Amino acid sequence: MDKQVAILVDITLNITNRLNTCSFEELEEFVEERQILIDSIRERFSGRSSFSIEEESHLKAVLRRDPEILERMQQLKSEAAKWLQQRELAKAQRNAYEAVYTPGSILMDRKK
């Protein structure tokens, strides 16, 4: 089996085994490393007609893990969006109490 295919399989299994505990930074690093490997594999095998049976089965196994990885990425995206939404709400509420008033102004009420 090609060394790069083996590395791709290894990093994919590594990230999926700890998918629920990994941070978004780790997922980002995985995606970048994976893309480099895929580009390298594609370039390397462009001259060949096809992969070996073993390589093909390993690559299919990697592809079967994609839905799990994508689901975790969506969870992290949703968490980040929710956090940003809460920050915006808190900012709006804080701004309501920190309104800028003209110094020295006088408030006049009418008696009913």
PDB file of N, CA and C in Angstrom:
ATOM      1  N   MET A   1       0.852  -1.175   0.000  1.00  0.00           N
ATOM      2  CA  MET A   1       0.000   0.000   0.000  1.00  0.00           C
ATOM      3  C   MET A   1       0.897   1.236   0.000  1.00  0.00           C
ATOM      4  N   ASP A   2       0.454   2.257  -0.687  1.00  0.00           N
ATOM      5  CA  ASP A   2       1.177   3.515  -0.768  1.00  0.00           C
ATOM      6  C   ASP A   2       1.283   4.150   0.617  1.00  0.00           C
ATOM      7  N   LYS A   3       2.428   4.773   0.900  1.00  0.00           N
ATOM      8  CA  LYS A   3       2.680   5.378   2.212  1.00  0.00           C
ATOM      9  C   LYS A   3       1.684   6.496   2.512  1.00  0.00           C
ATOM     10  N   GLN A   4       1.385   7.310   1.513  1.00  0.00           N
ATOM     11  CA  GLN A   4       0.460   8.424   1.729  1.00  0.00           C
ATOM     12  C   GLN A   4      -0.967   7.945   1.979  1.00  0.00           C
ATOM     13  N   VAL A   5      -1.364   6.898   1.337  1.00  0.00           N
ATOM     14  CA  VAL A   5      -2.690   6.312   1.593  1.00  0.00           C
ATOM     15  C   VAL A   5      -2.737   5.786   3.025  1.00  0.00           C
ATOM     16  N   ALA A   6      -1.654   5.152   3.460  1.00  0.00           N
ATOM     17  CA  ALA A   6      -1.589   4.635   4.836  1.00  0.00           C
ATOM     18  C   ALA A   6      -1.669   5.771   5.851  1.00  0.00           C
ATOM     19  N   ILE A   7      -0.982   6.876   5.573  1.00  0.00           N
ATOM     20  CA  ILE A   7      -1.032   8.034   6.480  1.00  0.00           C
ATOM     21  C   ILE A   7      -2.442   8.607   6.514  1.00  0.00           C
ATOM     22  N   LEU A   8      -3.084   8.700   5.358  1.00  0.00           N
ATOM     23  CA  LEU A   8      -4.458   9.206   5.282  1.00  0.00           C
ATOM     24  C   LEU A   8      -5.407   8.345   6.107  1.00  0.00           C
ATOM     25  N   VAL A   9      -5.279   7.048   5.983  1.00  0.00           N
ATOM     26  CA  VAL A   9      -6.107   6.121   6.763  1.00  0.00           C
ATOM     27  C   VAL A   9      -5.830   6.308   8.249  1.00  0.00           C
ATOM     28  N   ASP A  10      -4.567   6.426   8.603  1.00  0.00           N
ATOM     29  CA  ASP A  10      -4.174   6.565  10.006  1.00  0.00           C
ATOM     30  C   ASP A  10      -4.723   7.844  10.633  1.00  0.00           C
ATOM     31  N   ILE A  11      -4.562   8.986   9.961  1.00  0.00           N
ATOM     32  CA  ILE A  11      -5.046  10.237  10.561  1.00  0.00           C
ATOM     33  C   ILE A  11      -6.569  10.272  10.608  1.00  0.00           C
ATOM     34  N   THR A  12      -7.219   9.632   9.631  1.00  0.00           N
ATOM     35  CA  THR A  12      -8.685   9.582   9.629  1.00  0.00           C
ATOM     36  C   THR A  12      -9.195   8.751  10.798  1.00  0.00           C
ATOM     37  N   LEU A  13      -8.587   7.592  11.020  1.00  0.00           N
ATOM     38  CA  LEU A  13      -8.991   6.760  12.160  1.00  0.00           C
ATOM     39  C   LEU A  13      -8.694   7.461  13.479  1.00  0.00           C
ATOM     40  N   ASN A  14      -7.580   8.146  13.544  1.00  0.00           N
ATOM     41  CA  ASN A  14      -7.198   8.867  14.754  1.00  0.00           C
ATOM     42  C   ASN A  14      -8.227   9.938  15.105  1.00  0.00           C
ATOM     43  N   ILE A  15      -8.626  10.733  14.130  1.00  0.00           N
ATOM     44  CA  ILE A  15      -9.573  11.822  14.410  1.00  0.00           C
ATOM     45  C   ILE A  15     -10.972  11.278  14.694  1.00  0.00           C
ATOM     46  N   THR A  16     -11.387  10.223  14.005  1.00  0.00           N
ATOM     47  CA  THR A  16     -12.734   9.695  14.243  1.00  0.00           C
ATOM     48  C   THR A  16     -12.838   8.984  15.590  1.00  0.00           C
ATOM     49  N   ASN A  17     -11.730   8.431  16.078  1.00  0.00           N
ATOM     50  CA  ASN A  17     -11.757   7.781  17.389  1.00  0.00           C
ATOM     51  C   ASN A  17     -11.942   8.778  18.526  1.00  0.00           C
ATOM     52  N   ARG A  18     -11.542  10.003  18.318  1.00  0.00           N
ATOM     53  CA  ARG A  18     -11.696  11.012  19.372  1.00  0.00           C
ATOM     54  C   ARG A  18     -12.509  12.210  18.885  1.00  0.00           C
ATOM     55  N   LEU A  19     -13.436  11.935  18.005  1.00  0.00           N
ATOM     56  CA  LEU A  19     -14.228  12.975  17.362  1.00  0.00           C
ATOM     57  C   LEU A  19     -15.043  13.808  18.347  1.00  0.00           C
ATOM     58  N   ASN A  20     -15.616  13.174  19.353  1.00  0.00           N
ATOM     59  CA  ASN A  20     -16.468  13.899  20.300  1.00  0.00           C
ATOM     60  C   ASN A  20     -15.688  14.767  21.272  1.00  0.00           C
ATOM     61  N   THR A  21     -14.394  14.547  21.380  1.00  0.00           N
ATOM     62  CA  THR A  21     -13.599  15.331  22.328  1.00  0.00           C
ATOM     63  C   THR A  21     -12.612  16.273  21.652  1.00  0.00           C
ATOM     64  N   CYS A  22     -12.493  16.196  20.342  1.00  0.00           N
ATOM     65  CA  CYS A  22     -11.500  17.044  19.671  1.00  0.00           C
ATOM     66  C   CYS A  22     -12.045  18.462  19.495  1.00  0.00           C
ATOM     67  N   SER A  23     -11.121  19.402  19.468  1.00  0.00           N
ATOM     68  CA  SER A  23     -11.486  20.812  19.315  1.00  0.00           C
ATOM     69  C   SER A  23     -11.583  21.167  17.833  1.00  0.00           C
ATOM     70  N   PHE A  24     -12.099  22.366  17.580  1.00  0.00           N
ATOM     71  CA  PHE A  24     -12.199  22.782  16.183  1.00  0.00           C
ATOM     72  C   PHE A  24     -10.823  23.010  15.575  1.00  0.00           C
ATOM     73  N   GLU A  25      -9.846  23.368  16.419  1.00  0.00           N
ATOM     74  CA  GLU A  25      -8.484  23.544  15.912  1.00  0.00           C
ATOM     75  C   GLU A  25      -7.913  22.219  15.414  1.00  0.00           C
ATOM     76  N   GLU A  26      -8.188  21.148  16.161  1.00  0.00           N
ATOM     77  CA  GLU A  26      -7.712  19.825  15.753  1.00  0.00           C
ATOM     78  C   GLU A  26      -8.384  19.377  14.455  1.00  0.00           C
ATOM     79  N   LEU A  27      -9.684  19.658  14.338  1.00  0.00           N
ATOM     80  CA  LEU A  27     -10.391  19.313  13.102  1.00  0.00           C
ATOM     81  C   LEU A  27      -9.858  20.122  11.924  1.00  0.00           C
ATOM     82  N   GLU A  28      -9.586  21.387  12.176  1.00  0.00           N
ATOM     83  CA  GLU A  28      -9.043  22.235  11.115  1.00  0.00           C
ATOM     84  C   GLU A  28      -7.678  21.719  10.651  1.00  0.00           C
ATOM     85  N   GLU A  29      -6.839  21.354  11.608  1.00  0.00           N
ATOM     86  CA  GLU A  29      -5.524  20.801  11.286  1.00  0.00           C
ATOM     87  C   GLU A  29      -5.660  19.496  10.493  1.00  0.00           C
ATOM     88  N   PHE A  30      -6.603  18.652  10.918  1.00  0.00           N
ATOM     89  CA  PHE A  30      -6.855  17.390  10.215  1.00  0.00           C
ATOM     90  C   PHE A  30      -7.266  17.642   8.769  1.00  0.00           C
ATOM     91  N   VAL A  31      -8.189  18.577   8.568  1.00  0.00           N
ATOM     92  CA  VAL A  31      -8.689  18.859   7.221  1.00  0.00           C
ATOM     93  C   VAL A  31      -7.563  19.381   6.325  1.00  0.00           C
ATOM     94  N   GLU A  32      -6.725  20.249   6.872  1.00  0.00           N
ATOM     95  CA  GLU A  32      -5.609  20.777   6.080  1.00  0.00           C
ATOM     96  C   GLU A  32      -4.616  19.676   5.715  1.00  0.00           C
ATOM     97  N   GLU A  33      -4.279  18.838   6.691  1.00  0.00           N
ATOM     98  CA  GLU A  33      -3.341  17.740   6.442  1.00  0.00           C
ATOM     99  C   GLU A  33      -3.931  16.742   5.445  1.00  0.00           C
ATOM    100  N   ARG A  34      -5.206  16.475   5.604  1.00  0.00           N
ATOM    101  CA  ARG A  34      -5.886  15.537   4.711  1.00  0.00           C
ATOM    102  C   ARG A  34      -5.882  16.052   3.276  1.00  0.00           C
ATOM    103  N   GLN A  35      -6.134  17.346   3.120  1.00  0.00           N
ATOM    104  CA  GLN A  35      -6.161  17.913   1.768  1.00  0.00           C
ATOM    105  C   GLN A  35      -4.793  17.825   1.095  1.00  0.00           C
ATOM    106  N   ILE A  36      -3.743  18.079   1.857  1.00  0.00           N
ATOM    107  CA  ILE A  36      -2.384  17.958   1.322  1.00  0.00           C
ATOM    108  C   ILE A  36      -2.124  16.523   0.866  1.00  0.00           C
ATOM    109  N   LEU A  37      -2.521  15.560   1.700  1.00  0.00           N
ATOM    110  CA  LEU A  37      -2.336  14.148   1.340  1.00  0.00           C
ATOM    111  C   LEU A  37      -3.138  13.764   0.098  1.00  0.00           C
ATOM    112  N   ILE A  38      -4.377  14.213   0.035  1.00  0.00           N
ATOM    113  CA  ILE A  38      -5.230  13.880  -1.111  1.00  0.00           C
ATOM    114  C   ILE A  38      -4.660  14.471  -2.395  1.00  0.00           C
ATOM    115  N   ASP A  39      -4.215  15.720  -2.320  1.00  0.00           N
ATOM    116  CA  ASP A  39      -3.609  16.338  -3.506  1.00  0.00           C
ATOM    117  C   ASP A  39      -2.369  15.568  -3.949  1.00  0.00           C
ATOM    118  N   SER A  40      -1.573  15.157  -2.988  1.00  0.00           N
ATOM    119  CA  SER A  40      -0.356  14.407  -3.289  1.00  0.00           C
ATOM    120  C   SER A  40      -0.685  13.040  -3.892  1.00  0.00           C
ATOM    121  N   ILE A  41      -1.675  12.367  -3.316  1.00  0.00           N
ATOM    122  CA  ILE A  41      -2.095  11.056  -3.835  1.00  0.00           C
ATOM    123  C   ILE A  41      -2.642  11.209  -5.252  1.00  0.00           C
ATOM    124  N   ARG A  42      -3.455  12.218  -5.451  1.00  0.00           N
ATOM    125  CA  ARG A  42      -4.043  12.451  -6.776  1.00  0.00           C
ATOM    126  C   ARG A  42      -2.945  12.706  -7.816  1.00  0.00           C
ATOM    127  N   GLU A  43      -1.969  13.526  -7.439  1.00  0.00           N
ATOM    128  CA  GLU A  43      -0.863  13.832  -8.348  1.00  0.00           C
ATOM    129  C   GLU A  43      -0.032  12.580  -8.645  1.00  0.00           C
ATOM    130  N   ARG A  44       0.199  11.811  -7.616  1.00  0.00           N
ATOM    131  CA  ARG A  44       1.037  10.620  -7.740  1.00  0.00           C
ATOM    132  C   ARG A  44       0.385   9.528  -8.584  1.00  0.00           C
ATOM    133  N   PHE A  45      -0.939   9.404  -8.428  1.00  0.00           N
ATOM    134  CA  PHE A  45      -1.649   8.330  -9.121  1.00  0.00           C
ATOM    135  C   PHE A  45      -2.262   8.785 -10.446  1.00  0.00           C
ATOM    136  N   SER A  46      -2.026  10.023 -10.840  1.00  0.00           N
ATOM    137  CA  SER A  46      -2.625  10.503 -12.092  1.00  0.00           C
ATOM    138  C   SER A  46      -2.083   9.744 -13.302  1.00  0.00           C
ATOM    139  N   GLY A  47      -0.846   9.289 -13.213  1.00  0.00           N
ATOM    140  CA  GLY A  47      -0.257   8.531 -14.315  1.00  0.00           C
ATOM    141  C   GLY A  47      -0.722   7.091 -14.359  1.00  0.00           C
ATOM    142  N   ARG A  48      -1.101   6.553 -13.202  1.00  0.00           N
ATOM    143  CA  ARG A  48      -1.562   5.160 -13.134  1.00  0.00           C
ATOM    144  C   ARG A  48      -3.021   5.070 -13.535  1.00  0.00           C
ATOM    145  N   SER A  49      -3.396   3.911 -13.983  1.00  0.00           N
ATOM    146  CA  SER A  49      -4.784   3.730 -14.411  1.00  0.00           C
ATOM    147  C   SER A  49      -5.733   3.591 -13.223  1.00  0.00           C
ATOM    148  N   SER A  50      -5.271   2.957 -12.136  1.00  0.00           N
ATOM    149  CA  SER A  50      -6.151   2.799 -10.976  1.00  0.00           C
ATOM    150  C   SER A  50      -5.341   2.417  -9.739  1.00  0.00           C
ATOM    151  N   PHE A  51      -6.043   2.403  -8.632  1.00  0.00           N
ATOM    152  CA  PHE A  51      -5.437   1.999  -7.363  1.00  0.00           C
ATOM    153  C   PHE A  51      -5.443   0.477  -7.269  1.00  0.00           C
ATOM    154  N   SER A  52      -4.612  -0.033  -6.372  1.00  0.00           N
ATOM    155  CA  SER A  52      -4.666  -1.475  -6.114  1.00  0.00           C
ATOM    156  C   SER A  52      -5.949  -1.770  -5.336  1.00  0.00           C
ATOM    157  N   ILE A  53      -6.315  -3.021  -5.268  1.00  0.00           N
ATOM    158  CA  ILE A  53      -7.538  -3.412  -4.553  1.00  0.00           C
ATOM    159  C   ILE A  53      -7.436  -3.019  -3.086  1.00  0.00           C
ATOM    160  N   GLU A  54      -6.274  -3.218  -2.492  1.00  0.00           N
ATOM    161  CA  GLU A  54      -6.061  -2.868  -1.086  1.00  0.00           C
ATOM    162  C   GLU A  54      -6.191  -1.360  -0.877  1.00  0.00           C
ATOM    163  N   GLU A  55      -5.563  -0.577  -1.739  1.00  0.00           N
ATOM    164  CA  GLU A  55      -5.639   0.884  -1.618  1.00  0.00           C
ATOM    165  C   GLU A  55      -7.066   1.372  -1.810  1.00  0.00           C
ATOM    166  N   GLU A  56      -7.741   0.801  -2.760  1.00  0.00           N
ATOM    167  CA  GLU A  56      -9.122   1.192  -3.026  1.00  0.00           C
ATOM    168  C   GLU A  56     -10.022   0.903  -1.827  1.00  0.00           C
ATOM    169  N   SER A  57      -9.853  -0.245  -1.200  1.00  0.00           N
ATOM    170  CA  SER A  57     -10.684  -0.576  -0.034  1.00  0.00           C
ATOM    171  C   SER A  57     -10.375   0.355   1.136  1.00  0.00           C
ATOM    172  N   HIS A  58      -9.112   0.713   1.306  1.00  0.00           N
ATOM    173  CA  HIS A  58      -8.751   1.643   2.380  1.00  0.00           C
ATOM    174  C   HIS A  58      -9.318   3.039   2.114  1.00  0.00           C
ATOM    175  N   LEU A  59      -9.258   3.484   0.880  1.00  0.00           N
ATOM    176  CA  LEU A  59      -9.808   4.799   0.540  1.00  0.00           C
ATOM    177  C   LEU A  59     -11.326   4.828   0.704  1.00  0.00           C
ATOM    178  N   LYS A  60     -11.989   3.738   0.375  1.00  0.00           N
ATOM    179  CA  LYS A  60     -13.442   3.664   0.589  1.00  0.00           C
ATOM    180  C   LYS A  60     -13.772   3.708   2.077  1.00  0.00           C
ATOM    181  N   ALA A  61     -12.937   3.075   2.892  1.00  0.00           N
ATOM    182  CA  ALA A  61     -13.141   3.112   4.347  1.00  0.00           C
ATOM    183  C   ALA A  61     -12.989   4.536   4.871  1.00  0.00           C
ATOM    184  N   VAL A  62     -12.033   5.267   4.321  1.00  0.00           N
ATOM    185  CA  VAL A  62     -11.844   6.671   4.708  1.00  0.00           C
ATOM    186  C   VAL A  62     -13.081   7.480   4.330  1.00  0.00           C
ATOM    187  N   LEU A  63     -13.588   7.264   3.126  1.00  0.00           N
ATOM    188  CA  LEU A  63     -14.766   8.000   2.668  1.00  0.00           C
ATOM    189  C   LEU A  63     -16.008   7.686   3.502  1.00  0.00           C
ATOM    190  N   ARG A  64     -16.101   6.477   4.030  1.00  0.00           N
ATOM    191  CA  ARG A  64     -17.250   6.119   4.878  1.00  0.00           C
ATOM    192  C   ARG A  64     -17.234   6.885   6.199  1.00  0.00           C
ATOM    193  N   ARG A  65     -16.086   7.395   6.589  1.00  0.00           N
ATOM    194  CA  ARG A  65     -15.977   8.165   7.833  1.00  0.00           C
ATOM    195  C   ARG A  65     -16.366   9.635   7.648  1.00  0.00           C
ATOM    196  N   ASP A  66     -16.460  10.085   6.418  1.00  0.00           N
ATOM    197  CA  ASP A  66     -16.758  11.491   6.149  1.00  0.00           C
ATOM    198  C   ASP A  66     -18.047  12.003   6.800  1.00  0.00           C
ATOM    199  N   PRO A  67     -19.162  11.263   6.740  1.00  0.00           N
ATOM    200  CA  PRO A  67     -20.383  11.785   7.366  1.00  0.00           C
ATOM    201  C   PRO A  67     -20.220  12.072   8.866  1.00  0.00           C
ATOM    202  N   GLU A  68     -19.484  11.226   9.573  1.00  0.00           N
ATOM    203  CA  GLU A  68     -19.240  11.454  11.004  1.00  0.00           C
ATOM    204  C   GLU A  68     -18.466  12.749  11.218  1.00  0.00           C
ATOM    205  N   ILE A  69     -17.448  12.935  10.412  1.00  0.00           N
ATOM    206  CA  ILE A  69     -16.602  14.123  10.537  1.00  0.00           C
ATOM    207  C   ILE A  69     -17.403  15.375  10.199  1.00  0.00           C
ATOM    208  N   LEU A  70     -18.178  15.313   9.127  1.00  0.00           N
ATOM    209  CA  LEU A  70     -19.002  16.458   8.735  1.00  0.00           C
ATOM    210  C   LEU A  70     -20.039  16.796   9.802  1.00  0.00           C
ATOM    211  N   GLU A  71     -20.619  15.785  10.409  1.00  0.00           N
ATOM    212  CA  GLU A  71     -21.603  16.012  11.470  1.00  0.00           C
ATOM    213  C   GLU A  71     -20.966  16.748  12.649  1.00  0.00           C
ATOM    214  N   ARG A  72     -19.774  16.326  13.040  1.00  0.00           N
ATOM    215  CA  ARG A  72     -19.073  16.986  14.148  1.00  0.00           C
ATOM    216  C   ARG A  72     -18.724  18.429  13.785  1.00  0.00           C
ATOM    217  N   MET A  73     -18.325  18.651  12.547  1.00  0.00           N
ATOM    218  CA  MET A  73     -18.009  20.008  12.109  1.00  0.00           C
ATOM    219  C   MET A  73     -19.258  20.887  12.152  1.00  0.00           C
ATOM    220  N   GLN A  74     -20.406  20.332  11.779  1.00  0.00           N
ATOM    221  CA  GLN A  74     -21.661  21.079  11.845  1.00  0.00           C
ATOM    222  C   GLN A  74     -22.039  21.398  13.293  1.00  0.00           C
ATOM    223  N   GLN A  75     -21.800  20.442  14.203  1.00  0.00           N
ATOM    224  CA  GLN A  75     -22.063  20.693  15.622  1.00  0.00           C
ATOM    225  C   GLN A  75     -21.218  21.851  16.129  1.00  0.00           C
ATOM    226  N   LEU A  76     -19.950  21.836  15.796  1.00  0.00           N
ATOM    227  CA  LEU A  76     -19.054  22.910  16.228  1.00  0.00           C
ATOM    228  C   LEU A  76     -19.463  24.246  15.613  1.00  0.00           C
ATOM    229  N   LYS A  77     -19.900  24.218  14.373  1.00  0.00           N
ATOM    230  CA  LYS A  77     -20.365  25.440  13.711  1.00  0.00           C
ATOM    231  C   LYS A  77     -21.608  25.988  14.408  1.00  0.00           C
ATOM    232  N   SER A  78     -22.529  25.102  14.764  1.00  0.00           N
ATOM    233  CA  SER A  78     -23.756  25.517  15.456  1.00  0.00           C
ATOM    234  C   SER A  78     -23.444  26.095  16.830  1.00  0.00           C
ATOM    235  N   GLU A  79     -22.520  25.465  17.541  1.00  0.00           N
ATOM    236  CA  GLU A  79     -22.117  25.978  18.851  1.00  0.00           C
ATOM    237  C   GLU A  79     -21.511  27.369  18.728  1.00  0.00           C
ATOM    238  N   ALA A  80     -20.682  27.571  17.734  1.00  0.00           N
ATOM    239  CA  ALA A  80     -20.051  28.879  17.528  1.00  0.00           C
ATOM    240  C   ALA A  80     -21.090  29.930  17.158  1.00  0.00           C
ATOM    241  N   ALA A  81     -22.047  29.569  16.316  1.00  0.00           N
ATOM    242  CA  ALA A  81     -23.098  30.505  15.925  1.00  0.00           C
ATOM    243  C   ALA A  81     -23.962  30.881  17.124  1.00  0.00           C
ATOM    244  N   LYS A  82     -24.275  29.900  17.953  1.00  0.00           N
ATOM    245  CA  LYS A  82     -25.077  30.159  19.149  1.00  0.00           C
ATOM    246  C   LYS A  82     -24.328  31.089  20.102  1.00  0.00           C
ATOM    247  N   TRP A  83     -23.030  30.853  20.273  1.00  0.00           N
ATOM    248  CA  TRP A  83     -22.222  31.692  21.153  1.00  0.00           C
ATOM    249  C   TRP A  83     -22.180  33.123  20.627  1.00  0.00           C
ATOM    250  N   LEU A  84     -21.995  33.287  19.318  1.00  0.00           N
ATOM    251  CA  LEU A  84     -21.962  34.624  18.726  1.00  0.00           C
ATOM    252  C   LEU A  84     -23.305  35.333  18.885  1.00  0.00           C
ATOM    253  N   GLN A  85     -24.375  34.588  18.735  1.00  0.00           N
ATOM    254  CA  GLN A  85     -25.708  35.159  18.892  1.00  0.00           C
ATOM    255  C   GLN A  85     -25.915  35.644  20.329  1.00  0.00           C
ATOM    256  N   GLN A  86     -25.469  34.860  21.299  1.00  0.00           N
ATOM    257  CA  GLN A  86     -25.577  35.262  22.700  1.00  0.00           C
ATOM    258  C   GLN A  86     -24.743  36.505  22.968  1.00  0.00           C
ATOM    259  N   ARG A  87     -23.556  36.592  22.365  1.00  0.00           N
ATOM    260  CA  ARG A  87     -22.687  37.768  22.531  1.00  0.00           C
ATOM    261  C   ARG A  87     -23.363  39.013  21.982  1.00  0.00           C
ATOM    262  N   GLU A  88     -23.997  38.889  20.818  1.00  0.00           N
ATOM    263  CA  GLU A  88     -24.686  40.027  20.208  1.00  0.00           C
ATOM    264  C   GLU A  88     -25.866  40.475  21.068  1.00  0.00           C
ATOM    265  N   LEU A  89     -26.600  39.527  21.618  1.00  0.00           N
ATOM    266  CA  LEU A  89     -27.729  39.850  22.482  1.00  0.00           C
ATOM    267  C   LEU A  89     -27.251  40.557  23.742  1.00  0.00           C
ATOM    268  N   ALA A  90     -26.192  40.052  24.344  1.00  0.00           N
ATOM    269  CA  ALA A  90     -25.639  40.679  25.545  1.00  0.00           C
ATOM    270  C   ALA A  90     -25.141  42.082  25.235  1.00  0.00           C
ATOM    271  N   LYS A  91     -24.542  42.258  24.077  1.00  0.00           N
ATOM    272  CA  LYS A  91     -24.035  43.577  23.680  1.00  0.00           C
ATOM    273  C   LYS A  91     -25.192  44.559  23.504  1.00  0.00           C
ATOM    274  N   ALA A  92     -26.271  44.113  22.877  1.00  0.00           N
ATOM    275  CA  ALA A  92     -27.437  44.971  22.669  1.00  0.00           C
ATOM    276  C   ALA A  92     -28.064  45.366  24.003  1.00  0.00           C
ATOM    277  N   GLN A  93     -28.157  44.419  24.932  1.00  0.00           N
ATOM    278  CA  GLN A  93     -28.721  44.728  26.244  1.00  0.00           C
ATOM    279  C   GLN A  93     -27.822  45.678  27.020  1.00  0.00           C
ATOM    280  N   ARG A  94     -26.526  45.482  26.928  1.00  0.00           N
ATOM    281  CA  ARG A  94     -25.589  46.354  27.632  1.00  0.00           C
ATOM    282  C   ARG A  94     -25.635  47.768  27.051  1.00  0.00           C
ATOM    283  N   ASN A  95     -25.738  47.886  25.739  1.00  0.00           N
ATOM    284  CA  ASN A  95     -25.794  49.198  25.100  1.00  0.00           C
ATOM    285  C   ASN A  95     -27.049  49.967  25.488  1.00  0.00           C
ATOM    286  N   ALA A  96     -28.130  49.265  25.771  1.00  0.00           N
ATOM    287  CA  ALA A  96     -29.359  49.937  26.186  1.00  0.00           C
ATOM    288  C   ALA A  96     -29.168  50.648  27.521  1.00  0.00           C
ATOM    289  N   TYR A  97     -28.355  50.086  28.399  1.00  0.00           N
ATOM    290  CA  TYR A  97     -28.112  50.694  29.701  1.00  0.00           C
ATOM    291  C   TYR A  97     -26.950  51.676  29.682  1.00  0.00           C
ATOM    292  N   GLU A  98     -26.134  51.605  28.673  1.00  0.00           N
ATOM    293  CA  GLU A  98     -24.981  52.492  28.586  1.00  0.00           C
ATOM    294  C   GLU A  98     -25.191  53.564  27.521  1.00  0.00           C
ATOM    295  N   ALA A  99     -26.414  54.053  27.403  1.00  0.00           N
ATOM    296  CA  ALA A  99     -26.714  55.059  26.392  1.00  0.00           C
ATOM    297  C   ALA A  99     -25.906  56.324  26.664  1.00  0.00           C
ATOM    298  N   VAL A 100     -25.513  56.950  25.589  1.00  0.00           N
ATOM    299  CA  VAL A 100     -24.718  58.168  25.713  1.00  0.00           C
ATOM    300  C   VAL A 100     -25.674  59.343  25.871  1.00  0.00           C
ATOM    301  N   TYR A 101     -25.520  60.070  26.964  1.00  0.00           N
ATOM    302  CA  TYR A 101     -26.331  61.250  27.216  1.00  0.00           C
ATOM    303  C   TYR A 101     -25.442  62.477  27.147  1.00  0.00           C
ATOM    304  N   THR A 102     -26.042  63.589  26.765  1.00  0.00           N
ATOM    305  CA  THR A 102     -25.292  64.830  26.705  1.00  0.00           C
ATOM    306  C   THR A 102     -25.017  65.295  28.126  1.00  0.00           C
ATOM    307  N   PRO A 103     -23.766  65.570  28.440  1.00  0.00           N
ATOM    308  CA  PRO A 103     -23.462  66.037  29.799  1.00  0.00           C
ATOM    309  C   PRO A 103     -24.116  67.392  30.051  1.00  0.00           C
ATOM    310  N   GLY A 104     -24.641  67.545  31.213  1.00  0.00           N
ATOM    311  CA  GLY A 104     -25.258  68.804  31.599  1.00  0.00           C
ATOM    312  C   GLY A 104     -26.683  68.956  31.109  1.00  0.00           C
ATOM    313  N   SER A 105     -27.263  67.943  30.524  1.00  0.00           N
ATOM    314  CA  SER A 105     -28.639  68.064  30.057  1.00  0.00           C
ATOM    315  C   SER A 105     -29.593  67.900  31.233  1.00  0.00           C
ATOM    316  N   ILE A 106     -30.776  68.435  31.066  1.00  0.00           N
ATOM    317  CA  ILE A 106     -31.782  68.395  32.130  1.00  0.00           C
ATOM    318  C   ILE A 106     -32.992  67.634  31.598  1.00  0.00           C
ATOM    319  N   LEU A 107     -33.533  66.791  32.448  1.00  0.00           N
ATOM    320  CA  LEU A 107     -34.713  66.027  32.088  1.00  0.00           C
ATOM    321  C   LEU A 107     -35.917  66.734  32.695  1.00  0.00           C
ATOM    322  N   MET A 108     -36.909  67.046  31.891  1.00  0.00           N
ATOM    323  CA  MET A 108     -38.095  67.758  32.365  1.00  0.00           C
ATOM    324  C   MET A 108     -39.302  66.841  32.203  1.00  0.00           C
ATOM    325  N   ASP A 109     -40.049  66.669  33.277  1.00  0.00           N
ATOM    326  CA  ASP A 109     -41.282  65.890  33.244  1.00  0.00           C
ATOM    327  C   ASP A 109     -42.461  66.841  33.331  1.00  0.00           C
ATOM    328  N   ARG A 110     -43.547  66.452  32.723  1.00  0.00           N
ATOM    329  CA  ARG A 110     -44.780  67.222  32.856  1.00  0.00           C
ATOM    330  C   ARG A 110     -45.644  66.587  33.916  1.00  0.00           C
ATOM    331  N   LYS A 111     -46.353  67.418  34.603  1.00  0.00           N
ATOM    332  CA  LYS A 111     -47.302  66.937  35.592  1.00  0.00           C
ATOM    333  C   LYS A 111     -48.639  66.736  34.911  1.00  0.00           C
ATOM    334  N   LYS A 112     -49.270  65.647  35.164  1.00  0.00           N
ATOM    335  CA  LYS A 112     -50.570  65.386  34.540  1.00  0.00           C
ATOM    336  C   LYS A 112     -51.695  65.820  35.414  1.00  0.00           C
TER     337      LYS A 112
END
